[in-house]
Structure formats: structure tokens, C-alpha cells
Amino acid sequence: MNMAFSSTVTFKTVFGNKRVHRGTFDASSCTGGDIDTGLRLVEGIELTCGGSAVASAPAVNETLPVAGDITIVTDSGQTGYWMAMGY
């Protein structure tokens, strides 16, 4: 993983007693990186591929729940969307 990975928070809301943040990620020329969800504690995250078909789906490289950033593993060049929930 390297500095070519980027992620952005694009939407924040509250569902009941949980915060839900959504965003995008871009693994330009790397195989993953850290998503800064903006949550203090992430209890769950959903990853969705963007663009054309890929060989492997993105995967979370963490044991949830986790405090701080979420590390994901992707195919090189993969872009996509994420939705995380927690506090």
C-alpha cells in the first residue's frame, strides 16, 4: 500500500443511534490503503466496486469493531464506494 490511495467522505447522517458516513476510494496504482471514515469507532463497513469489472472485490483488512481508519485491500487501480456505521 502506498500514497496513491485516497478516500473521501461525501455524506454524513444519523440512523437511530448510529452515525453513518459514506464516501469514495481510489487505489490509483496501489493495492489498498486506509479509509478515514470520520468515525471514532467503526462497527461495520460496506465496500462497493466502481467502474468496470474487477478480478477481486475490495476487502476489509481489520477485525471489527475498530477505532480510527479502516485498512482495505483492493486490486490495483480499483475505485469504489464505501458506507461505514458506528460512533
PDB file of N, CA and C in Angstrom:
ATOM      1  N   MET A   1       0.844  -1.170   0.000  1.00  0.00           N
ATOM      2  CA  MET A   1       0.000   0.000   0.000  1.00  0.00           C
ATOM      3  C   MET A   1       0.892   1.237   0.000  1.00  0.00           C
ATOM      4  N   ASN A   2       0.429   2.290  -0.670  1.00  0.00           N
ATOM      5  CA  ASN A   2       1.247   3.484  -0.749  1.00  0.00           C
ATOM      6  C   ASN A   2       0.408   4.744  -0.809  1.00  0.00           C
ATOM      7  N   MET A   3       1.058   5.856  -1.093  1.00  0.00           N
ATOM      8  CA  MET A   3       0.396   7.156  -1.062  1.00  0.00           C
ATOM      9  C   MET A   3      -0.559   7.392  -2.231  1.00  0.00           C
ATOM     10  N   ALA A   4      -0.615   6.504  -3.218  1.00  0.00           N
ATOM     11  CA  ALA A   4      -1.526   6.683  -4.344  1.00  0.00           C
ATOM     12  C   ALA A   4      -2.977   6.416  -3.941  1.00  0.00           C
ATOM     13  N   PHE A   5      -3.211   5.874  -2.761  1.00  0.00           N
ATOM     14  CA  PHE A   5      -4.567   5.589  -2.292  1.00  0.00           C
ATOM     15  C   PHE A   5      -5.187   6.860  -1.731  1.00  0.00           C
ATOM     16  N   SER A   6      -6.449   7.089  -2.061  1.00  0.00           N
ATOM     17  CA  SER A   6      -7.162   8.227  -1.475  1.00  0.00           C
ATOM     18  C   SER A   6      -8.593   7.829  -1.159  1.00  0.00           C
ATOM     19  N   SER A   7      -9.157   8.502  -0.176  1.00  0.00           N
ATOM     20  CA  SER A   7     -10.565   8.298   0.163  1.00  0.00           C
ATOM     21  C   SER A   7     -11.161   9.633   0.575  1.00  0.00           C
ATOM     22  N   THR A   8     -12.470   9.749   0.369  1.00  0.00           N
ATOM     23  CA  THR A   8     -13.171  10.991   0.669  1.00  0.00           C
ATOM     24  C   THR A   8     -14.502  10.675   1.326  1.00  0.00           C
ATOM     25  N   VAL A   9     -14.868  11.437   2.348  1.00  0.00           N
ATOM     26  CA  VAL A   9     -16.202  11.356   2.946  1.00  0.00           C
ATOM     27  C   VAL A   9     -17.100  12.276   2.132  1.00  0.00           C
ATOM     28  N   THR A  10     -18.220  11.750   1.627  1.00  0.00           N
ATOM     29  CA  THR A  10     -19.124  12.547   0.795  1.00  0.00           C
ATOM     30  C   THR A  10     -20.488  12.798   1.437  1.00  0.00           C
ATOM     31  N   PHE A  11     -20.812  12.077   2.519  1.00  0.00           N
ATOM     32  CA  PHE A  11     -22.138  12.195   3.127  1.00  0.00           C
ATOM     33  C   PHE A  11     -22.074  11.714   4.571  1.00  0.00           C
ATOM     34  N   LYS A  12     -22.736  12.428   5.470  1.00  0.00           N
ATOM     35  CA  LYS A  12     -22.823  12.032   6.880  1.00  0.00           C
ATOM     36  C   LYS A  12     -24.268  12.183   7.340  1.00  0.00           C
ATOM     37  N   THR A  13     -24.741  11.192   8.120  1.00  0.00           N
ATOM     38  CA  THR A  13     -26.084  11.267   8.684  1.00  0.00           C
ATOM     39  C   THR A  13     -26.139  10.419   9.950  1.00  0.00           C
ATOM     40  N   VAL A  14     -27.288  10.388  10.592  1.00  0.00           N
ATOM     41  CA  VAL A  14     -27.518   9.558  11.772  1.00  0.00           C
ATOM     42  C   VAL A  14     -28.741   8.693  11.499  1.00  0.00           C
ATOM     43  N   PHE A  15     -28.605   7.375  11.706  1.00  0.00           N
ATOM     44  CA  PHE A  15     -29.711   6.426  11.612  1.00  0.00           C
ATOM     45  C   PHE A  15     -29.952   5.907  13.017  1.00  0.00           C
ATOM     46  N   GLY A  16     -31.040   6.324  13.638  1.00  0.00           N
ATOM     47  CA  GLY A  16     -31.295   5.895  15.017  1.00  0.00           C
ATOM     48  C   GLY A  16     -30.202   6.402  15.929  1.00  0.00           C
ATOM     49  N   ASN A  17     -29.475   5.470  16.570  1.00  0.00           N
ATOM     50  CA  ASN A  17     -28.394   5.872  17.464  1.00  0.00           C
ATOM     51  C   ASN A  17     -27.013   5.613  16.848  1.00  0.00           C
ATOM     52  N   LYS A  18     -26.942   5.423  15.532  1.00  0.00           N
ATOM     53  CA  LYS A  18     -25.670   5.165  14.835  1.00  0.00           C
ATOM     54  C   LYS A  18     -25.365   6.297  13.850  1.00  0.00           C
ATOM     55  N   ARG A  19     -24.104   6.650  13.772  1.00  0.00           N
ATOM     56  CA  ARG A  19     -23.651   7.565  12.727  1.00  0.00           C
ATOM     57  C   ARG A  19     -23.344   6.737  11.490  1.00  0.00           C
ATOM     58  N   VAL A  20     -23.699   7.248  10.330  1.00  0.00           N
ATOM     59  CA  VAL A  20     -23.429   6.578   9.062  1.00  0.00           C
ATOM     60  C   VAL A  20     -22.734   7.578   8.146  1.00  0.00           C
ATOM     61  N   HIS A  21     -21.565   7.212   7.681  1.00  0.00           N
ATOM     62  CA  HIS A  21     -20.803   8.053   6.759  1.00  0.00           C
ATOM     63  C   HIS A  21     -20.582   7.279   5.474  1.00  0.00           C
ATOM     64  N   ARG A  22     -20.676   7.989   4.332  1.00  0.00           N
ATOM     65  CA  ARG A  22     -20.430   7.380   3.027  1.00  0.00           C
ATOM     66  C   ARG A  22     -19.326   8.140   2.321  1.00  0.00           C
ATOM     67  N   GLY A  23     -18.702   7.468   1.346  1.00  0.00           N
ATOM     68  CA  GLY A  23     -17.668   8.137   0.587  1.00  0.00           C
ATOM     69  C   GLY A  23     -17.170   7.294  -0.566  1.00  0.00           C
ATOM     70  N   THR A  24     -16.034   7.717  -1.110  1.00  0.00           N
ATOM     71  CA  THR A  24     -15.411   7.041  -2.242  1.00  0.00           C
ATOM     72  C   THR A  24     -13.973   6.690  -1.894  1.00  0.00           C
ATOM     73  N   PHE A  25     -13.416   5.727  -2.652  1.00  0.00           N
ATOM     74  CA  PHE A  25     -11.992   5.428  -2.532  1.00  0.00           C
ATOM     75  C   PHE A  25     -11.406   5.234  -3.920  1.00  0.00           C
ATOM     76  N   ASP A  26     -10.103   5.462  -4.030  1.00  0.00           N
ATOM     77  CA  ASP A  26      -9.397   5.340  -5.301  1.00  0.00           C
ATOM     78  C   ASP A  26      -8.012   4.769  -5.035  1.00  0.00           C
ATOM     79  N   ALA A  27      -7.783   3.554  -5.524  1.00  0.00           N
ATOM     80  CA  ALA A  27      -6.476   2.895  -5.391  1.00  0.00           C
ATOM     81  C   ALA A  27      -5.758   3.004  -6.739  1.00  0.00           C
ATOM     82  N   SER A  28      -5.386   4.224  -7.101  1.00  0.00           N
ATOM     83  CA  SER A  28      -4.842   4.525  -8.432  1.00  0.00           C
ATOM     84  C   SER A  28      -3.803   3.528  -8.924  1.00  0.00           C
ATOM     85  N   SER A  29      -2.725   3.384  -8.205  1.00  0.00           N
ATOM     86  CA  SER A  29      -1.674   2.449  -8.647  1.00  0.00           C
ATOM     87  C   SER A  29      -1.135   1.682  -7.449  1.00  0.00           C
ATOM     88  N   CYS A  30      -2.064   1.259  -6.593  1.00  0.00           N
ATOM     89  CA  CYS A  30      -1.671   0.519  -5.390  1.00  0.00           C
ATOM     90  C   CYS A  30      -2.692  -0.585  -5.149  1.00  0.00           C
ATOM     91  N   THR A  31      -2.517  -1.326  -4.092  1.00  0.00           N
ATOM     92  CA  THR A  31      -3.433  -2.431  -3.790  1.00  0.00           C
ATOM     93  C   THR A  31      -4.137  -2.228  -2.456  1.00  0.00           C
ATOM     94  N   GLY A  32      -4.559  -0.998  -2.191  1.00  0.00           N
ATOM     95  CA  GLY A  32      -5.317  -0.710  -0.992  1.00  0.00           C
ATOM     96  C   GLY A  32      -4.750   0.439  -0.212  1.00  0.00           C
ATOM     97  N   GLY A  33      -5.345   0.673   0.955  1.00  0.00           N
ATOM     98  CA  GLY A  33      -4.920   1.765   1.814  1.00  0.00           C
ATOM     99  C   GLY A  33      -5.890   1.944   2.952  1.00  0.00           C
ATOM    100  N   ASP A  34      -5.791   3.091   3.631  1.00  0.00           N
ATOM    101  CA  ASP A  34      -6.618   3.392   4.794  1.00  0.00           C
ATOM    102  C   ASP A  34      -7.743   4.350   4.431  1.00  0.00           C
ATOM    103  N   ILE A  35      -8.956   3.987   4.803  1.00  0.00           N
ATOM    104  CA  ILE A  35     -10.114   4.864   4.640  1.00  0.00           C
ATOM    105  C   ILE A  35     -10.335   5.573   5.968  1.00  0.00           C
ATOM    106  N   ASP A  36     -10.287   6.903   5.942  1.00  0.00           N
ATOM    107  CA  ASP A  36     -10.615   7.705   7.116  1.00  0.00           C
ATOM    108  C   ASP A  36     -12.108   7.980   7.063  1.00  0.00           C
ATOM    109  N   THR A  37     -12.883   7.214   7.821  1.00  0.00           N
ATOM    110  CA  THR A  37     -14.343   7.309   7.778  1.00  0.00           C
ATOM    111  C   THR A  37     -14.872   8.529   8.522  1.00  0.00           C
ATOM    112  N   GLY A  38     -14.062   9.118   9.386  1.00  0.00           N
ATOM    113  CA  GLY A  38     -14.523  10.220  10.213  1.00  0.00           C
ATOM    114  C   GLY A  38     -15.247   9.754  11.465  1.00  0.00           C
ATOM    115  N   LEU A  39     -15.342   8.440  11.666  1.00  0.00           N
ATOM    116  CA  LEU A  39     -15.979   7.874  12.861  1.00  0.00           C
ATOM    117  C   LEU A  39     -14.913   7.548  13.908  1.00  0.00           C
ATOM    118  N   ARG A  40     -15.286   7.655  15.187  1.00  0.00           N
ATOM    119  CA  ARG A  40     -14.354   7.272  16.260  1.00  0.00           C
ATOM    120  C   ARG A  40     -14.248   5.758  16.384  1.00  0.00           C
ATOM    121  N   LEU A  41     -15.369   5.051  16.191  1.00  0.00           N
ATOM    122  CA  LEU A  41     -15.410   3.600  16.271  1.00  0.00           C
ATOM    123  C   LEU A  41     -16.247   3.088  15.102  1.00  0.00           C
ATOM    124  N   VAL A  42     -15.658   2.274  14.261  1.00  0.00           N
ATOM    125  CA  VAL A  42     -16.366   1.707  13.110  1.00  0.00           C
ATOM    126  C   VAL A  42     -16.828   0.301  13.480  1.00  0.00           C
ATOM    127  N   GLU A  43     -18.147   0.089  13.438  1.00  0.00           N
ATOM    128  CA  GLU A  43     -18.719  -1.217  13.756  1.00  0.00           C
ATOM    129  C   GLU A  43     -18.979  -2.046  12.502  1.00  0.00           C
ATOM    130  N   GLY A  44     -19.104  -1.384  11.353  1.00  0.00           N
ATOM    131  CA  GLY A  44     -19.338  -2.096  10.102  1.00  0.00           C
ATOM    132  C   GLY A  44     -19.024  -1.198   8.927  1.00  0.00           C
ATOM    133  N   ILE A  45     -18.626  -1.806   7.810  1.00  0.00           N
ATOM    134  CA  ILE A  45     -18.344  -1.053   6.597  1.00  0.00           C
ATOM    135  C   ILE A  45     -18.711  -1.913   5.396  1.00  0.00           C
ATOM    136  N   GLU A  46     -19.289  -1.277   4.390  1.00  0.00           N
ATOM    137  CA  GLU A  46     -19.642  -1.948   3.141  1.00  0.00           C
ATOM    138  C   GLU A  46     -18.822  -1.320   2.028  1.00  0.00           C
ATOM    139  N   LEU A  47     -18.203  -2.150   1.198  1.00  0.00           N
ATOM    140  CA  LEU A  47     -17.384  -1.683   0.084  1.00  0.00           C
ATOM    141  C   LEU A  47     -18.037  -2.114  -1.224  1.00  0.00           C
ATOM    142  N   THR A  48     -18.108  -1.212  -2.196  1.00  0.00           N
ATOM    143  CA  THR A  48     -18.690  -1.499  -3.498  1.00  0.00           C
ATOM    144  C   THR A  48     -17.729  -1.041  -4.584  1.00  0.00           C
ATOM    145  N   CYS A  49     -17.486  -1.894  -5.568  1.00  0.00           N
ATOM    146  CA  CYS A  49     -16.603  -1.536  -6.691  1.00  0.00           C
ATOM    147  C   CYS A  49     -17.274  -0.486  -7.558  1.00  0.00           C
ATOM    148  N   GLY A  50     -16.464   0.380  -8.124  1.00  0.00           N
ATOM    149  CA  GLY A  50     -16.948   1.360  -9.086  1.00  0.00           C
ATOM    150  C   GLY A  50     -16.336   1.058 -10.443  1.00  0.00           C
ATOM    151  N   GLY A  51     -16.876   1.656 -11.491  1.00  0.00           N
ATOM    152  CA  GLY A  51     -16.297   1.488 -12.819  1.00  0.00           C
ATOM    153  C   GLY A  51     -16.528   0.104 -13.391  1.00  0.00           C
ATOM    154  N   SER A  52     -15.546  -0.366 -14.159  1.00  0.00           N
ATOM    155  CA  SER A  52     -15.679  -1.656 -14.835  1.00  0.00           C
ATOM    156  C   SER A  52     -15.411  -2.829 -13.890  1.00  0.00           C
ATOM    157  N   ALA A  53     -15.660  -4.023 -14.377  1.00  0.00           N
ATOM    158  CA  ALA A  53     -15.488  -5.246 -13.581  1.00  0.00           C
ATOM    159  C   ALA A  53     -14.035  -5.406 -13.126  1.00  0.00           C
ATOM    160  N   VAL A  54     -13.863  -6.004 -11.961  1.00  0.00           N
ATOM    161  CA  VAL A  54     -12.535  -6.247 -11.401  1.00  0.00           C
ATOM    162  C   VAL A  54     -12.385  -7.733 -11.090  1.00  0.00           C
ATOM    163  N   ALA A  55     -11.155  -8.174 -10.957  1.00  0.00           N
ATOM    164  CA  ALA A  55     -10.898  -9.590 -10.665  1.00  0.00           C
ATOM    165  C   ALA A  55     -11.296  -9.946  -9.239  1.00  0.00           C
ATOM    166  N   SER A  56     -11.052  -9.045  -8.296  1.00  0.00           N
ATOM    167  CA  SER A  56     -11.328  -9.309  -6.882  1.00  0.00           C
ATOM    168  C   SER A  56     -12.088  -8.148  -6.257  1.00  0.00           C
ATOM    169  N   ALA A  57     -13.040  -8.466  -5.408  1.00  0.00           N
ATOM    170  CA  ALA A  57     -13.766  -7.430  -4.682  1.00  0.00           C
ATOM    171  C   ALA A  57     -12.864  -6.832  -3.612  1.00  0.00           C
ATOM    172  N   PRO A  58     -13.046  -5.549  -3.262  1.00  0.00           N
ATOM    173  CA  PRO A  58     -12.268  -4.968  -2.174  1.00  0.00           C
ATOM    174  C   PRO A  58     -12.617  -5.669  -0.867  1.00  0.00           C
ATOM    175  N   ALA A  59     -11.646  -5.748   0.033  1.00  0.00           N
ATOM    176  CA  ALA A  59     -11.861  -6.448   1.307  1.00  0.00           C
ATOM    177  C   ALA A  59     -11.331  -5.618   2.465  1.00  0.00           C
ATOM    178  N   VAL A  60     -11.990  -5.732   3.607  1.00  0.00           N
ATOM    179  CA  VAL A  60     -11.543  -5.075   4.839  1.00  0.00           C
ATOM    180  C   VAL A  60     -10.421  -5.903   5.437  1.00  0.00           C
ATOM    181  N   ASN A  61      -9.324  -5.247   5.810  1.00  0.00           N
ATOM    182  CA  ASN A  61      -8.173  -5.923   6.399  1.00  0.00           C
ATOM    183  C   ASN A  61      -8.086  -5.571   7.883  1.00  0.00           C
ATOM    184  N   GLU A  62      -9.202  -5.675   8.587  1.00  0.00           N
ATOM    185  CA  GLU A  62      -9.321  -5.312  10.004  1.00  0.00           C
ATOM    186  C   GLU A  62     -10.267  -6.288  10.691  1.00  0.00           C
ATOM    187  N   THR A  63     -10.193  -6.327  11.995  1.00  0.00           N
ATOM    188  CA  THR A  63     -11.181  -7.019  12.808  1.00  0.00           C
ATOM    189  C   THR A  63     -12.093  -5.957  13.402  1.00  0.00           C
ATOM    190  N   LEU A  64     -13.375  -6.020  13.082  1.00  0.00           N
ATOM    191  CA  LEU A  64     -14.327  -5.015  13.550  1.00  0.00           C
ATOM    192  C   LEU A  64     -14.929  -5.424  14.882  1.00  0.00           C
ATOM    193  N   PRO A  65     -15.283  -4.470  15.735  1.00  0.00           N
ATOM    194  CA  PRO A  65     -15.169  -3.030  15.544  1.00  0.00           C
ATOM    195  C   PRO A  65     -13.718  -2.562  15.679  1.00  0.00           C
ATOM    196  N   VAL A  66     -13.429  -1.396  15.070  1.00  0.00           N
ATOM    197  CA  VAL A  66     -12.078  -0.846  15.102  1.00  0.00           C
ATOM    198  C   VAL A  66     -12.162   0.669  15.299  1.00  0.00           C
ATOM    199  N   ALA A  67     -11.246   1.199  16.083  1.00  0.00           N
ATOM    200  CA  ALA A  67     -11.138   2.643  16.268  1.00  0.00           C
ATOM    201  C   ALA A  67     -10.246   3.208  15.175  1.00  0.00           C
ATOM    202  N   GLY A  68     -10.645   4.352  14.636  1.00  0.00           N
ATOM    203  CA  GLY A  68      -9.802   5.013  13.648  1.00  0.00           C
ATOM    204  C   GLY A  68     -10.060   4.556  12.226  1.00  0.00           C
ATOM    205  N   ASP A  69      -8.999   4.628  11.408  1.00  0.00           N
ATOM    206  CA  ASP A  69      -9.093   4.306   9.985  1.00  0.00           C
ATOM    207  C   ASP A  69      -9.343   2.824   9.748  1.00  0.00           C
ATOM    208  N   ILE A  70      -9.919   2.514   8.586  1.00  0.00           N
ATOM    209  CA  ILE A  70     -10.163   1.144   8.141  1.00  0.00           C
ATOM    210  C   ILE A  70      -9.205   0.845   6.995  1.00  0.00           C
ATOM    211  N   THR A  71      -8.409  -0.211   7.117  1.00  0.00           N
ATOM    212  CA  THR A  71      -7.496  -0.613   6.047  1.00  0.00           C
ATOM    213  C   THR A  71      -8.215  -1.580   5.121  1.00  0.00           C
ATOM    214  N   ILE A  72      -8.160  -1.281   3.804  1.00  0.00           N
ATOM    215  CA  ILE A  72      -8.765  -2.181   2.830  1.00  0.00           C
ATOM    216  C   ILE A  72      -7.702  -2.661   1.838  1.00  0.00           C
ATOM    217  N   VAL A  73      -7.998  -3.803   1.215  1.00  0.00           N
ATOM    218  CA  VAL A  73      -7.140  -4.380   0.180  1.00  0.00           C
ATOM    219  C   VAL A  73      -7.967  -4.417  -1.101  1.00  0.00           C
ATOM    220  N   THR A  74      -7.373  -3.960  -2.206  1.00  0.00           N
ATOM    221  CA  THR A  74      -8.073  -3.878  -3.483  1.00  0.00           C
ATOM    222  C   THR A  74      -7.169  -4.362  -4.615  1.00  0.00           C
ATOM    223  N   ASP A  75      -7.766  -4.525  -5.789  1.00  0.00           N
ATOM    224  CA  ASP A  75      -6.955  -4.671  -7.000  1.00  0.00           C
ATOM    225  C   ASP A  75      -6.327  -3.325  -7.304  1.00  0.00           C
ATOM    226  N   SER A  76      -5.164  -3.308  -7.912  1.00  0.00           N
ATOM    227  CA  SER A  76      -4.519  -2.061  -8.308  1.00  0.00           C
ATOM    228  C   SER A  76      -5.407  -1.320  -9.308  1.00  0.00           C
ATOM    229  N   GLY A  77      -5.571  -0.039  -9.096  1.00  0.00           N
ATOM    230  CA  GLY A  77      -6.378   0.778  -9.995  1.00  0.00           C
ATOM    231  C   GLY A  77      -7.864   0.775  -9.698  1.00  0.00           C
ATOM    232  N   GLN A  78      -8.298   0.075  -8.668  1.00  0.00           N
ATOM    233  CA  GLN A  78      -9.720  -0.037  -8.353  1.00  0.00           C
ATOM    234  C   GLN A  78     -10.254   1.234  -7.707  1.00  0.00           C
ATOM    235  N   THR A  79     -11.451   1.603  -8.082  1.00  0.00           N
ATOM    236  CA  THR A  79     -12.168   2.696  -7.431  1.00  0.00           C
ATOM    237  C   THR A  79     -13.459   2.131  -6.877  1.00  0.00           C
ATOM    238  N   GLY A  80     -14.077   2.867  -5.955  1.00  0.00           N
ATOM    239  CA  GLY A  80     -15.332   2.371  -5.420  1.00  0.00           C
ATOM    240  C   GLY A  80     -15.939   3.287  -4.389  1.00  0.00           C
ATOM    241  N   TYR A  81     -16.930   2.744  -3.716  1.00  0.00           N
ATOM    242  CA  TYR A  81     -17.721   3.469  -2.738  1.00  0.00           C
ATOM    243  C   TYR A  81     -17.725   2.701  -1.424  1.00  0.00           C
ATOM    244  N   TRP A  82     -17.860   3.408  -0.321  1.00  0.00           N
ATOM    245  CA  TRP A  82     -17.938   2.763   0.986  1.00  0.00           C
ATOM    246  C   TRP A  82     -19.029   3.424   1.813  1.00  0.00           C
ATOM    247  N   MET A  83     -19.576   2.642   2.757  1.00  0.00           N
ATOM    248  CA  MET A  83     -20.521   3.155   3.744  1.00  0.00           C
ATOM    249  C   MET A  83     -20.174   2.512   5.080  1.00  0.00           C
ATOM    250  N   ALA A  84     -19.866   3.355   6.065  1.00  0.00           N
ATOM    251  CA  ALA A  84     -19.460   2.854   7.387  1.00  0.00           C
ATOM    252  C   ALA A  84     -20.462   3.325   8.435  1.00  0.00           C
ATOM    253  N   MET A  85     -20.645   2.493   9.471  1.00  0.00           N
ATOM    254  CA  MET A  85     -21.522   2.877  10.567  1.00  0.00           C
ATOM    255  C   MET A  85     -20.830   2.630  11.898  1.00  0.00           C
ATOM    256  N   GLY A  86     -21.178   3.442  12.845  1.00  0.00           N
ATOM    257  CA  GLY A  86     -20.591   3.334  14.180  1.00  0.00           C
ATOM    258  C   GLY A  86     -20.855   4.589  14.985  1.00  0.00           C
ATOM    259  N   TYR A  87     -19.806   5.054  15.721  1.00  0.00           N
ATOM    260  CA  TYR A  87     -19.933   6.227  16.589  1.00  0.00           C
ATOM    261  C   TYR A  87     -18.891   7.266  16.269  1.00  0.00           C
TER     262      TYR A  87
END
